[in-house]
Amino acid sequence: MTSTTGTVCPHCGWPDGAEPYQVVSRHSTAAGSTVWTRCACGSLQMRVVDARGMRVVSRSRPADSAQKSPCR
């Protein structure tokens, strides 16, 4: 997974600030919560929600890209 500081998904352009395409899981933390989401392109994202707001801190490649990878 790669870290991100962008405002849109680099794979499909889905805005990071928009409602997640799909929420996979949500976990409370001492500072707020961690939300695992799936983007419209299939990329898995880890979002941190705390007093500073929401930000995507990590994301994978889209699901189809992983299946076509020669490094499996």
C-alpha atoms as a PDB file:
ATOM      1  CA  MET A   1       0.000   0.000   0.000  1.00  0.00           C
ATOM      2  CA  THR A   2       1.196   3.467  -0.746  1.00  0.00           C
ATOM      3  CA  SER A   3       0.796   6.603   1.311  1.00  0.00           C
ATOM      4  CA  THR A   4      -1.178   9.448  -0.207  1.00  0.00           C
ATOM      5  CA  THR A   5      -1.496  13.153   0.293  1.00  0.00           C
ATOM      6  CA  GLY A   6      -3.637  13.808  -2.798  1.00  0.00           C
ATOM      7  CA  THR A   7      -7.252  14.859  -2.859  1.00  0.00           C
ATOM      8  CA  VAL A   8      -8.430  12.268  -5.395  1.00  0.00           C
ATOM      9  CA  CYS A   9      -7.753   8.603  -6.061  1.00  0.00           C
ATOM     10  CA  PRO A  10      -4.743   8.432  -8.399  1.00  0.00           C
ATOM     11  CA  HIS A  11      -6.271   5.408 -10.125  1.00  0.00           C
ATOM     12  CA  CYS A  12      -9.780   6.639 -10.982  1.00  0.00           C
ATOM     13  CA  GLY A  13     -10.150  10.236  -9.768  1.00  0.00           C
ATOM     14  CA  TRP A  14     -12.800   9.537  -7.077  1.00  0.00           C
ATOM     15  CA  PRO A  15     -12.542  12.484  -4.611  1.00  0.00           C
ATOM     16  CA  ASP A  16     -11.041  11.555  -1.235  1.00  0.00           C
ATOM     17  CA  GLY A  17     -13.452  13.979   0.475  1.00  0.00           C
ATOM     18  CA  ALA A  18     -16.554  12.377  -1.074  1.00  0.00           C
ATOM     19  CA  GLU A  19     -18.600   9.693   0.607  1.00  0.00           C
ATOM     20  CA  PRO A  20     -16.723   6.385   0.400  1.00  0.00           C
ATOM     21  CA  TYR A  21     -17.879   4.079  -2.375  1.00  0.00           C
ATOM     22  CA  GLN A  22     -18.014   1.193   0.137  1.00  0.00           C
ATOM     23  CA  VAL A  23     -17.170   1.026   3.860  1.00  0.00           C
ATOM     24  CA  VAL A  24     -15.416  -2.263   4.617  1.00  0.00           C
ATOM     25  CA  SER A  25     -14.873  -1.765   8.369  1.00  0.00           C
ATOM     26  CA  ARG A  26     -14.779   0.933  11.016  1.00  0.00           C
ATOM     27  CA  HIS A  27     -12.709   0.863  14.230  1.00  0.00           C
ATOM     28  CA  SER A  28     -12.616   3.294  17.157  1.00  0.00           C
ATOM     29  CA  THR A  29      -9.219   4.539  18.307  1.00  0.00           C
ATOM     30  CA  ALA A  30      -8.126   6.733  21.213  1.00  0.00           C
ATOM     31  CA  ALA A  31      -7.874   9.727  18.853  1.00  0.00           C
ATOM     32  CA  GLY A  32     -10.965   9.077  16.686  1.00  0.00           C
ATOM     33  CA  SER A  33     -11.476   6.237  14.244  1.00  0.00           C
ATOM     34  CA  THR A  34      -9.922   4.252  11.422  1.00  0.00           C
ATOM     35  CA  VAL A  35     -12.173   3.477   8.470  1.00  0.00           C
ATOM     36  CA  TRP A  36     -11.263   0.935   5.780  1.00  0.00           C
ATOM     37  CA  THR A  37     -13.047   1.731   2.520  1.00  0.00           C
ATOM     38  CA  ARG A  38     -13.096   0.494  -1.047  1.00  0.00           C
ATOM     39  CA  CYS A  39     -12.931   3.058  -3.864  1.00  0.00           C
ATOM     40  CA  ALA A  40     -15.045   2.840  -7.026  1.00  0.00           C
ATOM     41  CA  CYS A  41     -12.011   1.381  -8.856  1.00  0.00           C
ATOM     42  CA  GLY A  42     -11.519  -1.352  -6.226  1.00  0.00           C
ATOM     43  CA  SER A  43      -8.590   0.272  -4.408  1.00  0.00           C
ATOM     44  CA  LEU A  44      -8.618  -0.442  -0.647  1.00  0.00           C
ATOM     45  CA  GLN A  45      -8.114   2.721   1.439  1.00  0.00           C
ATOM     46  CA  MET A  46      -7.345   3.346   5.084  1.00  0.00           C
ATOM     47  CA  ARG A  47      -8.893   6.596   6.309  1.00  0.00           C
ATOM     48  CA  VAL A  48      -8.155   8.248   9.655  1.00  0.00           C
ATOM     49  CA  VAL A  49     -10.896  10.397  11.187  1.00  0.00           C
ATOM     50  CA  ASP A  50      -9.853  12.554  14.146  1.00  0.00           C
ATOM     51  CA  ALA A  51      -9.949  16.143  15.402  1.00  0.00           C
ATOM     52  CA  ARG A  52      -8.002  17.237  12.286  1.00  0.00           C
ATOM     53  CA  GLY A  53     -10.692  15.798   9.989  1.00  0.00           C
ATOM     54  CA  MET A  54     -10.621  12.870   7.559  1.00  0.00           C
ATOM     55  CA  ARG A  55      -7.649  11.863   5.470  1.00  0.00           C
ATOM     56  CA  VAL A  56      -6.658   8.880   3.359  1.00  0.00           C
ATOM     57  CA  VAL A  57      -3.347   7.672   4.782  1.00  0.00           C
ATOM     58  CA  SER A  58      -2.851   4.532   2.685  1.00  0.00           C
ATOM     59  CA  ARG A  59      -4.311   2.932  -0.431  1.00  0.00           C
ATOM     60  CA  SER A  60      -3.701  -0.115  -2.595  1.00  0.00           C
ATOM     61  CA  ARG A  61      -3.805  -0.549  -6.330  1.00  0.00           C
ATOM     62  CA  PRO A  62      -7.208  -1.292  -7.885  1.00  0.00           C
ATOM     63  CA  ALA A  63      -8.317  -4.912  -7.550  1.00  0.00           C
ATOM     64  CA  ASP A  64      -7.931  -5.632 -11.289  1.00  0.00           C
ATOM     65  CA  SER A  65      -4.332  -4.336 -11.344  1.00  0.00           C
ATOM     66  CA  ALA A  66      -3.326  -6.730  -8.572  1.00  0.00           C
ATOM     67  CA  GLN A  67      -4.702  -9.732 -10.478  1.00  0.00           C
ATOM     68  CA  LYS A  68      -2.749  -8.820 -13.650  1.00  0.00           C
ATOM     69  CA  SER A  69       0.530  -8.206 -11.826  1.00  0.00           C
ATOM     70  CA  PRO A  70       3.397 -10.439 -13.070  1.00  0.00           C
ATOM     71  CA  CYS A  71       4.972 -10.375  -9.565  1.00  0.00           C
ATOM     72  CA  ARG A  72       2.551 -12.823  -7.989  1.00  0.00           C
END
